[in-house]
Amino acid sequence: MSNFNEEQELIDGCLIGNHRAQEALYSKYAAKMFGICLRYSSSRMEAEDTLHEGFMAVFETLERFEARGAFEGWVRRIMINTALKKYKRERLYQMMDFNADVMSESANENDFSPLQKMQTDDLIKLVQKLAPGYRNIFNLYAIEGYNHREIGEVLGISEGTSKSQMARARVLLQAMLNKQYDNEYEQR
């Protein structure tokens, strides 16, 4: 694999079907891309499936990479799109769980003090507990920086639906954070 230190050499090797180049490319980006897949998934196993599907898409469409931007960004976009396609497939078979009883009109959207005490892994676990629609909108908006119009286009929903689901995701996350904080406080 030391022969494939340069990114372009890896890409060229993959384009001609060189398995060592494919393995090296996978090894180079798998950990970062797994983190992305994990944010869009409800479990590690689902994230692993998304990662593998995403890399299959990378290898199948590699000839379309035009090197105008960073290769890692291109791979990242494929992983996000793969996760969203999985969500859309699953959405056809099940309705989103709105958990209306968890949402509270009195919840203060700005009160995220427990967030400061959390580790990244803990936050990811909470985001994974969100229903897929909320989770995807939260990730696209809060992490990836999409605006609600773009989210609507990507997911095939209205801009207003994106905004309302983001607001609900925040309320749900806040309720989960407060519950976790209360549980930790009671244990002291």
N, C-alpha and C. Protein backbone atom coordinates (compact mmCIF):
# COMPACT_ATOMS: atom_id res chain seq x y z
N MET A 1 0.80 -1.20 0.00
CA MET A 1 0.00 0.00 0.00
C MET A 1 0.84 1.26 0.00
N SER A 2 2.10 1.13 0.36
CA SER A 2 2.96 2.31 0.38
C SER A 2 3.15 2.88 -1.02
N ASN A 3 2.92 2.07 -2.04
CA ASN A 3 3.01 2.55 -3.42
C ASN A 3 1.90 3.55 -3.75
N PHE A 4 0.86 3.59 -2.92
CA PHE A 4 -0.30 4.42 -3.23
C PHE A 4 -0.47 5.56 -2.23
N ASN A 5 0.63 6.25 -1.94
CA ASN A 5 0.57 7.35 -0.98
C ASN A 5 -0.14 8.57 -1.54
N GLU A 6 -0.03 8.83 -2.77
CA GLU A 6 -0.64 10.00 -3.37
C GLU A 6 -2.10 9.70 -3.71
N GLU A 7 -2.95 10.65 -3.40
CA GLU A 7 -4.38 10.50 -3.63
C GLU A 7 -4.70 10.21 -5.10
N GLN A 8 -4.06 10.91 -6.00
CA GLN A 8 -4.33 10.70 -7.42
C GLN A 8 -3.92 9.30 -7.85
N GLU A 9 -2.84 8.80 -7.31
CA GLU A 9 -2.43 7.43 -7.62
C GLU A 9 -3.49 6.44 -7.13
N LEU A 10 -4.04 6.69 -5.97
CA LEU A 10 -5.11 5.83 -5.45
C LEU A 10 -6.32 5.86 -6.39
N ILE A 11 -6.69 7.06 -6.78
CA ILE A 11 -7.85 7.21 -7.67
C ILE A 11 -7.59 6.50 -8.99
N ASP A 12 -6.41 6.73 -9.56
CA ASP A 12 -6.07 6.08 -10.83
C ASP A 12 -6.06 4.56 -10.69
N GLY A 13 -5.52 4.07 -9.59
CA GLY A 13 -5.50 2.63 -9.35
C GLY A 13 -6.90 2.07 -9.23
N CYS A 14 -7.77 2.78 -8.55
CA CYS A 14 -9.16 2.33 -8.41
C CYS A 14 -9.88 2.31 -9.75
N LEU A 15 -9.59 3.30 -10.57
CA LEU A 15 -10.24 3.40 -11.87
C LEU A 15 -9.90 2.21 -12.78
N ILE A 16 -8.73 1.62 -12.59
CA ILE A 16 -8.37 0.46 -13.42
C ILE A 16 -8.69 -0.86 -12.70
N GLY A 17 -9.35 -0.75 -11.52
CA GLY A 17 -9.79 -1.95 -10.82
C GLY A 17 -8.73 -2.58 -9.93
N ASN A 18 -7.71 -1.85 -9.56
CA ASN A 18 -6.66 -2.38 -8.69
C ASN A 18 -7.20 -2.51 -7.27
N HIS A 19 -7.29 -3.74 -6.79
CA HIS A 19 -7.86 -4.01 -5.47
C HIS A 19 -7.03 -3.42 -4.33
N ARG A 20 -5.73 -3.39 -4.49
CA ARG A 20 -4.88 -2.78 -3.45
C ARG A 20 -5.16 -1.29 -3.33
N ALA A 21 -5.37 -0.64 -4.46
CA ALA A 21 -5.70 0.79 -4.45
C ALA A 21 -7.06 1.01 -3.79
N GLN A 22 -8.03 0.13 -4.10
CA GLN A 22 -9.35 0.24 -3.49
C GLN A 22 -9.27 0.06 -1.97
N GLU A 23 -8.51 -0.91 -1.53
CA GLU A 23 -8.33 -1.14 -0.09
C GLU A 23 -7.66 0.07 0.57
N ALA A 24 -6.66 0.62 -0.09
CA ALA A 24 -5.95 1.77 0.46
C ALA A 24 -6.87 2.99 0.54
N LEU A 25 -7.68 3.20 -0.49
CA LEU A 25 -8.62 4.32 -0.49
C LEU A 25 -9.64 4.14 0.63
N TYR A 26 -10.15 2.94 0.76
CA TYR A 26 -11.11 2.64 1.82
C TYR A 26 -10.47 2.90 3.19
N SER A 27 -9.27 2.39 3.39
CA SER A 27 -8.57 2.56 4.67
C SER A 27 -8.33 4.03 4.99
N LYS A 28 -8.03 4.80 3.97
CA LYS A 28 -7.72 6.22 4.17
C LYS A 28 -8.93 7.01 4.65
N TYR A 29 -10.13 6.67 4.15
CA TYR A 29 -11.30 7.49 4.43
C TYR A 29 -12.36 6.81 5.30
N ALA A 30 -12.26 5.54 5.57
CA ALA A 30 -13.32 4.81 6.26
C ALA A 30 -13.67 5.38 7.64
N ALA A 31 -12.68 5.70 8.43
CA ALA A 31 -12.96 6.19 9.79
C ALA A 31 -13.74 7.50 9.77
N LYS A 32 -13.30 8.45 8.96
CA LYS A 32 -14.00 9.74 8.88
C LYS A 32 -15.41 9.55 8.33
N MET A 33 -15.55 8.74 7.31
CA MET A 33 -16.85 8.55 6.69
C MET A 33 -17.79 7.77 7.61
N PHE A 34 -17.22 6.89 8.42
CA PHE A 34 -18.05 6.15 9.37
C PHE A 34 -18.68 7.11 10.37
N GLY A 35 -17.94 8.11 10.79
CA GLY A 35 -18.49 9.12 11.68
C GLY A 35 -19.69 9.83 11.08
N ILE A 36 -19.60 10.13 9.80
CA ILE A 36 -20.72 10.76 9.10
C ILE A 36 -21.90 9.81 9.04
N CYS A 37 -21.65 8.57 8.64
CA CYS A 37 -22.72 7.57 8.54
C CYS A 37 -23.38 7.35 9.89
N LEU A 38 -22.60 7.36 10.94
CA LEU A 38 -23.11 7.14 12.29
C LEU A 38 -24.10 8.23 12.68
N ARG A 39 -23.82 9.45 12.29
CA ARG A 39 -24.73 10.56 12.61
C ARG A 39 -26.08 10.41 11.94
N TYR A 40 -26.12 9.77 10.79
CA TYR A 40 -27.38 9.62 10.05
C TYR A 40 -28.07 8.29 10.34
N SER A 41 -27.52 7.49 11.20
CA SER A 41 -28.04 6.14 11.45
C SER A 41 -28.54 6.01 12.87
N SER A 42 -29.37 5.00 13.08
CA SER A 42 -29.90 4.76 14.42
C SER A 42 -29.07 3.73 15.18
N SER A 43 -28.09 3.11 14.51
CA SER A 43 -27.25 2.12 15.19
C SER A 43 -25.91 2.02 14.45
N ARG A 44 -24.95 1.41 15.13
CA ARG A 44 -23.63 1.19 14.50
C ARG A 44 -23.77 0.26 13.29
N MET A 45 -24.61 -0.76 13.43
CA MET A 45 -24.78 -1.71 12.34
C MET A 45 -25.36 -1.02 11.10
N GLU A 46 -26.34 -0.15 11.31
CA GLU A 46 -26.91 0.60 10.19
C GLU A 46 -25.86 1.52 9.57
N ALA A 47 -25.04 2.13 10.42
CA ALA A 47 -23.97 3.01 9.93
C ALA A 47 -22.96 2.22 9.11
N GLU A 48 -22.62 1.01 9.55
CA GLU A 48 -21.69 0.16 8.80
C GLU A 48 -22.27 -0.18 7.43
N ASP A 49 -23.56 -0.50 7.38
CA ASP A 49 -24.21 -0.79 6.10
C ASP A 49 -24.15 0.42 5.18
N THR A 50 -24.42 1.58 5.74
CA THR A 50 -24.38 2.81 4.95
C THR A 50 -22.97 3.07 4.44
N LEU A 51 -21.99 2.85 5.31
CA LEU A 51 -20.59 3.05 4.91
C LEU A 51 -20.24 2.16 3.73
N HIS A 52 -20.61 0.89 3.80
CA HIS A 52 -20.28 -0.04 2.72
C HIS A 52 -21.03 0.30 1.43
N GLU A 53 -22.31 0.67 1.56
CA GLU A 53 -23.07 1.09 0.38
C GLU A 53 -22.44 2.35 -0.22
N GLY A 54 -22.03 3.26 0.67
CA GLY A 54 -21.42 4.50 0.20
C GLY A 54 -20.12 4.26 -0.55
N PHE A 55 -19.28 3.37 -0.03
CA PHE A 55 -18.02 3.09 -0.74
C PHE A 55 -18.28 2.36 -2.06
N MET A 56 -19.30 1.53 -2.09
CA MET A 56 -19.66 0.91 -3.37
C MET A 56 -20.01 2.00 -4.39
N ALA A 57 -20.77 3.00 -3.93
CA ALA A 57 -21.14 4.11 -4.82
C ALA A 57 -19.90 4.91 -5.23
N VAL A 58 -18.97 5.09 -4.30
CA VAL A 58 -17.73 5.81 -4.63
C VAL A 58 -17.00 5.08 -5.75
N PHE A 59 -16.82 3.78 -5.61
CA PHE A 59 -16.08 3.02 -6.62
C PHE A 59 -16.83 2.95 -7.94
N GLU A 60 -18.17 2.89 -7.88
CA GLU A 60 -18.97 2.81 -9.11
C GLU A 60 -18.99 4.14 -9.87
N THR A 61 -18.84 5.25 -9.16
CA THR A 61 -18.96 6.56 -9.82
C THR A 61 -17.64 7.33 -9.84
N LEU A 62 -16.55 6.69 -9.50
CA LEU A 62 -15.25 7.36 -9.40
C LEU A 62 -14.86 8.08 -10.68
N GLU A 63 -15.25 7.55 -11.82
CA GLU A 63 -14.88 8.20 -13.08
C GLU A 63 -15.55 9.57 -13.22
N ARG A 64 -16.57 9.85 -12.42
CA ARG A 64 -17.26 11.15 -12.48
C ARG A 64 -16.58 12.23 -11.65
N PHE A 65 -15.64 11.83 -10.80
CA PHE A 65 -14.93 12.82 -9.98
C PHE A 65 -14.10 13.70 -10.90
N GLU A 66 -14.33 15.00 -10.83
CA GLU A 66 -13.68 15.94 -11.75
C GLU A 66 -12.53 16.71 -11.12
N ALA A 67 -12.19 16.44 -9.91
CA ALA A 67 -11.05 17.07 -9.22
C ALA A 67 -11.16 18.58 -9.16
N ARG A 68 -12.37 19.12 -9.16
CA ARG A 68 -12.54 20.57 -9.01
C ARG A 68 -12.45 20.96 -7.54
N GLY A 69 -12.85 20.04 -6.68
CA GLY A 69 -12.79 20.27 -5.24
C GLY A 69 -12.02 19.14 -4.60
N ALA A 70 -12.09 19.10 -3.30
CA ALA A 70 -11.38 18.07 -2.55
C ALA A 70 -12.04 16.71 -2.75
N PHE A 71 -11.23 15.70 -2.93
CA PHE A 71 -11.75 14.36 -3.11
C PHE A 71 -12.50 13.91 -1.86
N GLU A 72 -11.96 14.24 -0.69
CA GLU A 72 -12.64 13.87 0.56
C GLU A 72 -14.04 14.48 0.64
N GLY A 73 -14.20 15.70 0.19
CA GLY A 73 -15.52 16.33 0.16
C GLY A 73 -16.47 15.61 -0.76
N TRP A 74 -15.95 15.14 -1.89
CA TRP A 74 -16.76 14.39 -2.84
C TRP A 74 -17.21 13.07 -2.22
N VAL A 75 -16.31 12.38 -1.54
CA VAL A 75 -16.65 11.12 -0.87
C VAL A 75 -17.68 11.39 0.23
N ARG A 76 -17.47 12.46 0.97
CA ARG A 76 -18.39 12.85 2.05
C ARG A 76 -19.80 13.05 1.51
N ARG A 77 -19.91 13.74 0.40
CA ARG A 77 -21.23 14.00 -0.22
C ARG A 77 -21.89 12.68 -0.61
N ILE A 78 -21.13 11.75 -1.13
CA ILE A 78 -21.68 10.44 -1.50
C ILE A 78 -22.20 9.72 -0.26
N MET A 79 -21.46 9.79 0.85
CA MET A 79 -21.89 9.13 2.08
C MET A 79 -23.20 9.74 2.58
N ILE A 80 -23.29 11.05 2.56
CA ILE A 80 -24.52 11.72 3.00
C ILE A 80 -25.68 11.32 2.10
N ASN A 81 -25.46 11.36 0.79
CA ASN A 81 -26.52 10.99 -0.14
C ASN A 81 -26.94 9.53 0.03
N THR A 82 -25.97 8.65 0.31
CA THR A 82 -26.29 7.24 0.54
C THR A 82 -27.17 7.10 1.78
N ALA A 83 -26.82 7.81 2.85
CA ALA A 83 -27.61 7.75 4.08
C ALA A 83 -29.02 8.29 3.83
N LEU A 84 -29.13 9.36 3.07
CA LEU A 84 -30.45 9.94 2.79
C LEU A 84 -31.28 9.02 1.89
N LYS A 85 -30.64 8.35 0.94
CA LYS A 85 -31.37 7.40 0.09
C LYS A 85 -31.91 6.25 0.92
N LYS A 86 -31.09 5.76 1.86
CA LYS A 86 -31.55 4.70 2.76
C LYS A 86 -32.76 5.17 3.55
N TYR A 87 -32.69 6.37 4.03
CA TYR A 87 -33.81 6.93 4.80
C TYR A 87 -35.07 7.01 3.94
N LYS A 88 -34.92 7.49 2.71
CA LYS A 88 -36.09 7.61 1.84
C LYS A 88 -36.71 6.25 1.55
N ARG A 89 -35.86 5.22 1.37
CA ARG A 89 -36.39 3.87 1.15
C ARG A 89 -37.17 3.39 2.36
N GLU A 90 -36.60 3.62 3.53
CA GLU A 90 -37.25 3.17 4.76
C GLU A 90 -38.52 3.97 5.04
N ARG A 91 -38.52 5.23 4.67
CA ARG A 91 -39.67 6.10 4.90
C ARG A 91 -40.90 5.60 4.16
N LEU A 92 -40.70 4.94 3.05
CA LEU A 92 -41.83 4.40 2.30
C LEU A 92 -42.57 3.32 3.09
N TYR A 93 -41.87 2.66 3.99
CA TYR A 93 -42.44 1.54 4.72
C TYR A 93 -42.93 1.88 6.12
N GLN A 94 -42.57 3.02 6.64
CA GLN A 94 -43.00 3.35 7.99
C GLN A 94 -43.24 4.84 8.15
N MET A 95 -44.12 5.19 9.02
CA MET A 95 -44.40 6.59 9.34
C MET A 95 -43.42 7.05 10.40
N MET A 96 -43.14 8.34 10.38
CA MET A 96 -42.23 8.87 11.39
C MET A 96 -42.94 8.91 12.74
N ASP A 97 -42.18 8.62 13.78
CA ASP A 97 -42.70 8.66 15.14
C ASP A 97 -42.51 10.07 15.68
N PHE A 98 -43.63 10.77 15.90
CA PHE A 98 -43.54 12.17 16.30
C PHE A 98 -43.39 12.34 17.81
N ASN A 99 -43.65 11.28 18.59
CA ASN A 99 -43.49 11.36 20.05
C ASN A 99 -44.09 12.64 20.64
N ALA A 100 -45.34 12.89 20.31
CA ALA A 100 -45.99 14.12 20.74
C ALA A 100 -45.98 14.27 22.25
N ASP A 101 -46.04 13.16 22.98
CA ASP A 101 -46.07 13.26 24.43
C ASP A 101 -44.74 13.75 25.00
N VAL A 102 -43.64 13.58 24.27
CA VAL A 102 -42.33 14.04 24.75
C VAL A 102 -42.17 15.53 24.52
N MET A 103 -42.78 16.01 23.44
CA MET A 103 -42.64 17.43 23.11
C MET A 103 -43.48 18.26 24.07
N SER A 104 -42.96 19.37 24.49
CA SER A 104 -43.66 20.22 25.43
C SER A 104 -43.65 21.65 24.93
N GLU A 105 -44.82 22.28 25.00
CA GLU A 105 -44.90 23.68 24.58
C GLU A 105 -44.04 24.57 25.46
N SER A 106 -43.85 24.15 26.72
CA SER A 106 -43.13 25.00 27.65
C SER A 106 -41.62 24.84 27.58
N ALA A 107 -41.14 23.93 26.75
CA ALA A 107 -39.69 23.72 26.69
C ALA A 107 -39.02 24.97 26.16
N ASN A 108 -37.96 25.37 26.79
CA ASN A 108 -37.21 26.55 26.38
C ASN A 108 -36.11 26.12 25.43
N GLU A 109 -36.21 26.55 24.17
CA GLU A 109 -35.28 26.12 23.13
C GLU A 109 -33.83 26.50 23.42
N ASN A 110 -33.62 27.54 24.20
CA ASN A 110 -32.26 28.03 24.44
C ASN A 110 -31.59 27.42 25.67
N ASP A 111 -32.27 26.56 26.41
CA ASP A 111 -31.73 26.02 27.65
C ASP A 111 -31.03 24.69 27.40
N PHE A 112 -29.79 24.74 26.90
CA PHE A 112 -29.01 23.54 26.60
C PHE A 112 -27.84 23.39 27.55
N SER A 113 -27.97 23.81 28.81
CA SER A 113 -26.84 23.73 29.73
C SER A 113 -26.29 22.31 29.88
N PRO A 114 -27.10 21.24 29.88
CA PRO A 114 -26.51 19.90 29.97
C PRO A 114 -25.61 19.57 28.79
N LEU A 115 -25.81 20.24 27.67
CA LEU A 115 -25.00 19.99 26.47
C LEU A 115 -23.52 20.25 26.74
N GLN A 116 -23.24 21.23 27.55
CA GLN A 116 -21.85 21.58 27.83
C GLN A 116 -21.10 20.47 28.54
N LYS A 117 -21.83 19.58 29.24
CA LYS A 117 -21.19 18.52 29.99
C LYS A 117 -21.08 17.22 29.19
N MET A 118 -21.59 17.21 28.01
CA MET A 118 -21.64 15.98 27.22
C MET A 118 -20.40 15.79 26.37
N GLN A 119 -20.09 14.55 26.12
CA GLN A 119 -19.05 14.19 25.17
C GLN A 119 -19.70 14.05 23.80
N THR A 120 -18.93 14.12 22.75
CA THR A 120 -19.45 13.99 21.40
C THR A 120 -20.18 12.68 21.21
N ASP A 121 -19.62 11.59 21.72
CA ASP A 121 -20.27 10.28 21.56
C ASP A 121 -21.64 10.25 22.23
N ASP A 122 -21.77 10.92 23.37
CA ASP A 122 -23.06 10.97 24.06
C ASP A 122 -24.09 11.72 23.23
N LEU A 123 -23.66 12.83 22.63
CA LEU A 123 -24.56 13.61 21.79
C LEU A 123 -24.98 12.80 20.56
N ILE A 124 -24.05 12.10 19.95
CA ILE A 124 -24.38 11.27 18.78
C ILE A 124 -25.42 10.22 19.17
N LYS A 125 -25.26 9.62 20.35
CA LYS A 125 -26.23 8.61 20.80
C LYS A 125 -27.62 9.23 20.97
N LEU A 126 -27.70 10.45 21.47
CA LEU A 126 -29.00 11.11 21.60
C LEU A 126 -29.60 11.42 20.23
N VAL A 127 -28.77 11.92 19.31
CA VAL A 127 -29.27 12.23 17.97
C VAL A 127 -29.76 10.95 17.29
N GLN A 128 -29.09 9.84 17.54
CA GLN A 128 -29.50 8.56 16.95
C GLN A 128 -30.87 8.12 17.45
N LYS A 129 -31.28 8.58 18.63
CA LYS A 129 -32.58 8.22 19.18
C LYS A 129 -33.73 8.97 18.51
N LEU A 130 -33.42 10.04 17.79
CA LEU A 130 -34.45 10.78 17.09
C LEU A 130 -35.04 9.92 15.97
N ALA A 131 -36.29 10.14 15.66
CA ALA A 131 -36.90 9.49 14.50
C ALA A 131 -36.08 9.87 13.27
N PRO A 132 -36.00 9.00 12.27
CA PRO A 132 -35.13 9.25 11.10
C PRO A 132 -35.33 10.62 10.44
N GLY A 133 -36.56 11.07 10.30
CA GLY A 133 -36.80 12.37 9.67
C GLY A 133 -36.18 13.51 10.45
N TYR A 134 -36.40 13.51 11.75
CA TYR A 134 -35.82 14.54 12.61
C TYR A 134 -34.30 14.46 12.58
N ARG A 135 -33.78 13.24 12.68
CA ARG A 135 -32.33 13.02 12.71
C ARG A 135 -31.68 13.56 11.44
N ASN A 136 -32.26 13.26 10.29
CA ASN A 136 -31.67 13.70 9.03
C ASN A 136 -31.72 15.22 8.89
N ILE A 137 -32.84 15.81 9.25
CA ILE A 137 -32.96 17.27 9.15
C ILE A 137 -32.00 17.93 10.13
N PHE A 138 -31.92 17.41 11.36
CA PHE A 138 -30.98 17.96 12.34
C PHE A 138 -29.55 17.90 11.80
N ASN A 139 -29.15 16.74 11.27
CA ASN A 139 -27.79 16.59 10.74
C ASN A 139 -27.54 17.54 9.57
N LEU A 140 -28.47 17.59 8.64
CA LEU A 140 -28.27 18.44 7.46
C LEU A 140 -28.19 19.92 7.86
N TYR A 141 -29.04 20.32 8.79
CA TYR A 141 -29.09 21.74 9.17
C TYR A 141 -27.97 22.10 10.15
N ALA A 142 -27.91 21.39 11.26
CA ALA A 142 -27.00 21.77 12.35
C ALA A 142 -25.56 21.36 12.11
N ILE A 143 -25.34 20.25 11.42
CA ILE A 143 -23.98 19.74 11.23
C ILE A 143 -23.44 20.09 9.84
N GLU A 144 -24.21 19.80 8.81
CA GLU A 144 -23.73 19.99 7.44
C GLU A 144 -23.90 21.42 6.93
N GLY A 145 -24.75 22.22 7.57
CA GLY A 145 -24.90 23.62 7.18
C GLY A 145 -25.87 23.88 6.04
N TYR A 146 -26.73 22.93 5.72
CA TYR A 146 -27.74 23.16 4.69
C TYR A 146 -28.76 24.16 5.23
N ASN A 147 -29.41 24.91 4.32
CA ASN A 147 -30.52 25.74 4.77
C ASN A 147 -31.81 24.95 4.52
N HIS A 148 -32.93 25.46 5.01
CA HIS A 148 -34.18 24.70 4.94
C HIS A 148 -34.68 24.50 3.50
N ARG A 149 -34.40 25.45 2.64
CA ARG A 149 -34.78 25.28 1.23
C ARG A 149 -34.01 24.10 0.63
N GLU A 150 -32.70 24.04 0.89
CA GLU A 150 -31.88 22.95 0.37
C GLU A 150 -32.31 21.61 0.96
N ILE A 151 -32.61 21.59 2.24
CA ILE A 151 -33.07 20.35 2.87
C ILE A 151 -34.36 19.89 2.23
N GLY A 152 -35.27 20.84 1.98
CA GLY A 152 -36.53 20.50 1.32
C GLY A 152 -36.30 19.86 -0.04
N GLU A 153 -35.37 20.41 -0.80
CA GLU A 153 -35.07 19.86 -2.13
C GLU A 153 -34.48 18.46 -2.04
N VAL A 154 -33.54 18.28 -1.10
CA VAL A 154 -32.87 16.99 -0.95
C VAL A 154 -33.83 15.90 -0.50
N LEU A 155 -34.71 16.24 0.45
CA LEU A 155 -35.60 15.24 1.04
C LEU A 155 -36.97 15.18 0.37
N GLY A 156 -37.25 16.11 -0.53
CA GLY A 156 -38.54 16.11 -1.20
C GLY A 156 -39.67 16.56 -0.28
N ILE A 157 -39.38 17.55 0.58
CA ILE A 157 -40.38 18.09 1.49
C ILE A 157 -40.39 19.60 1.33
N SER A 158 -41.37 20.26 1.93
CA SER A 158 -41.42 21.71 1.84
C SER A 158 -40.42 22.34 2.81
N GLU A 159 -40.09 23.58 2.53
CA GLU A 159 -39.19 24.32 3.41
C GLU A 159 -39.81 24.46 4.80
N GLY A 160 -41.11 24.68 4.85
CA GLY A 160 -41.82 24.79 6.13
C GLY A 160 -41.77 23.51 6.93
N THR A 161 -41.90 22.37 6.25
CA THR A 161 -41.81 21.08 6.94
C THR A 161 -40.42 20.90 7.52
N SER A 162 -39.40 21.29 6.77
CA SER A 162 -38.03 21.20 7.28
C SER A 162 -37.88 22.05 8.53
N LYS A 163 -38.40 23.28 8.51
CA LYS A 163 -38.28 24.16 9.66
C LYS A 163 -39.01 23.59 10.88
N SER A 164 -40.23 23.09 10.66
CA SER A 164 -40.99 22.59 11.81
C SER A 164 -40.36 21.31 12.37
N GLN A 165 -39.82 20.45 11.50
CA GLN A 165 -39.19 19.23 12.00
C GLN A 165 -37.88 19.54 12.70
N MET A 166 -37.17 20.58 12.27
CA MET A 166 -35.96 21.00 12.98
C MET A 166 -36.32 21.51 14.36
N ALA A 167 -37.39 22.29 14.44
CA ALA A 167 -37.84 22.80 15.75
C ALA A 167 -38.24 21.64 16.66
N ARG A 168 -38.94 20.66 16.13
CA ARG A 168 -39.33 19.49 16.92
C ARG A 168 -38.11 18.69 17.34
N ALA A 169 -37.13 18.56 16.44
CA ALA A 169 -35.90 17.83 16.79
C ALA A 169 -35.20 18.52 17.95
N ARG A 170 -35.15 19.83 17.92
CA ARG A 170 -34.52 20.57 19.03
C ARG A 170 -35.25 20.33 20.34
N VAL A 171 -36.59 20.37 20.29
CA VAL A 171 -37.38 20.15 21.50
C VAL A 171 -37.14 18.74 22.03
N LEU A 172 -37.14 17.77 21.14
CA LEU A 172 -36.91 16.38 21.56
C LEU A 172 -35.52 16.20 22.14
N LEU A 173 -34.51 16.76 21.47
CA LEU A 173 -33.15 16.66 21.99
C LEU A 173 -33.03 17.35 23.36
N GLN A 174 -33.69 18.49 23.49
CA GLN A 174 -33.64 19.18 24.77
C GLN A 174 -34.29 18.34 25.85
N ALA A 175 -35.42 17.72 25.53
CA ALA A 175 -36.10 16.87 26.52
C ALA A 175 -35.20 15.69 26.91
N MET A 176 -34.53 15.09 25.93
CA MET A 176 -33.62 13.98 26.23
C MET A 176 -32.44 14.45 27.07
N LEU A 177 -31.91 15.63 26.73
CA LEU A 177 -30.79 16.18 27.49
C LEU A 177 -31.20 16.48 28.93
N ASN A 178 -32.37 17.09 29.08
CA ASN A 178 -32.84 17.41 30.43
C ASN A 178 -33.09 16.15 31.24
N LYS A 179 -33.65 15.15 30.61
CA LYS A 179 -33.91 13.88 31.30
C LYS A 179 -32.59 13.24 31.74
N GLN A 180 -31.62 13.26 30.84
CA GLN A 180 -30.30 12.69 31.17
C GLN A 180 -29.66 13.48 32.30
N TYR A 181 -29.75 14.80 32.23
CA TYR A 181 -29.17 15.66 33.26
C TYR A 181 -29.84 15.42 34.61
N ASP A 182 -31.18 15.32 34.59
CA ASP A 182 -31.93 15.06 35.82
C ASP A 182 -31.53 13.72 36.42
N ASN A 183 -31.39 12.69 35.57
CA ASN A 183 -31.00 11.36 36.05
C ASN A 183 -29.59 11.40 36.68
N GLU A 184 -28.68 12.11 36.05
CA GLU A 184 -27.32 12.23 36.60
C GLU A 184 -27.32 13.00 37.92
N TYR A 185 -28.16 14.05 38.00
CA TYR A 185 -28.25 14.86 39.21
C TYR A 185 -28.80 14.04 40.37
N GLU A 186 -29.82 13.20 40.09
CA GLU A 186 -30.43 12.37 41.12
C GLU A 186 -29.47 11.30 41.64
N GLN A 187 -28.54 10.87 40.80
CA GLN A 187 -27.59 9.82 41.19
C GLN A 187 -26.48 10.36 42.09
N ARG A 188 -26.32 11.67 42.17
CA ARG A 188 -25.24 12.26 42.97
C ARG A 188 -25.54 12.23 44.42
